[in-house]
């Protein structure tokens, strides 16, 4: 059974958004100074990375199921 192209497109879009968010957060982290800012940014980066990892796993499962 083939993977749903709409679902794959939605996942790819969400993945692209999260990757963009991560890039921006890393750039912000480089510009910030102070422990509180660094901790908050690190938490946001970890959160975005966890979401990205989950979406990548979901997409991989969907693609494997369609083979």
Protein backbone atom coordinates (compact mmCIF):
# COMPACT_ATOMS: atom_id res chain seq x y z
CA UNK A 1 0.00 0.00 0.00
CA UNK A 2 1.42 3.40 -1.00
CA UNK A 3 1.91 6.14 1.53
CA UNK A 4 -0.66 8.93 1.48
CA UNK A 5 0.96 11.74 -0.55
CA UNK A 6 -0.99 14.42 1.36
CA UNK A 7 0.18 13.10 4.71
CA UNK A 8 3.76 12.89 3.47
CA UNK A 9 3.56 16.48 2.20
CA UNK A 10 2.20 17.64 5.57
CA UNK A 11 4.98 15.81 7.42
CA UNK A 12 7.64 17.21 5.09
CA UNK A 13 6.27 20.72 5.61
CA UNK A 14 6.22 20.34 9.39
CA UNK A 15 9.77 18.94 9.29
CA UNK A 16 10.94 21.92 7.23
CA UNK A 17 9.34 24.34 9.71
CA UNK A 18 11.00 22.63 12.68
CA UNK A 19 14.39 22.62 10.95
CA UNK A 20 13.97 26.33 10.28
CA UNK A 21 13.03 26.92 13.93
CA UNK A 22 16.12 25.02 15.06
CA UNK A 23 18.38 27.07 12.79
CA UNK A 24 16.93 30.31 14.17
CA UNK A 25 17.25 29.13 17.76
CA UNK A 26 20.88 28.16 17.26
CA UNK A 27 21.57 31.59 15.76
CA UNK A 28 19.82 33.24 18.71
CA UNK A 29 21.77 31.12 21.16
CA UNK A 30 25.02 32.33 19.64
CA UNK A 31 23.91 35.94 20.13
CA UNK A 32 22.61 35.60 23.71
CA UNK A 33 24.63 35.93 26.83
CA UNK A 34 23.68 35.05 30.37
CA UNK A 35 22.81 31.76 32.01
CA UNK A 36 19.03 32.32 32.04
CA UNK A 37 18.90 33.10 28.31
CA UNK A 38 21.16 30.16 27.48
CA UNK A 39 19.09 27.77 29.57
CA UNK A 40 15.82 28.94 28.04
CA UNK A 41 17.23 28.69 24.53
CA UNK A 42 18.66 25.24 25.22
CA UNK A 43 15.24 24.10 26.43
CA UNK A 44 13.58 25.46 23.30
CA UNK A 45 16.16 23.78 21.08
CA UNK A 46 15.67 20.45 22.87
CA UNK A 47 11.89 20.76 22.51
CA UNK A 48 12.11 21.52 18.78
CA UNK A 49 14.61 18.69 18.25
CA UNK A 50 12.32 16.21 20.03
CA UNK A 51 9.41 17.27 17.81
CA UNK A 52 11.59 16.97 14.71
CA UNK A 53 12.79 13.51 15.74
CA UNK A 54 9.18 12.37 16.28
CA UNK A 55 8.08 13.64 12.86
CA UNK A 56 11.06 12.04 11.13
CA UNK A 57 10.26 8.73 12.81
CA UNK A 58 6.60 9.02 11.82
CA UNK A 59 7.56 9.73 8.21
CA UNK A 60 10.01 6.80 8.17
CA UNK A 61 7.34 4.45 9.53
CA UNK A 62 4.85 5.67 6.95
CA UNK A 63 7.34 5.12 4.13
CA UNK A 64 8.30 1.65 5.42
CA UNK A 65 4.64 0.63 5.67
CA UNK A 66 4.06 1.63 2.06
CA UNK A 67 6.77 -0.68 0.69
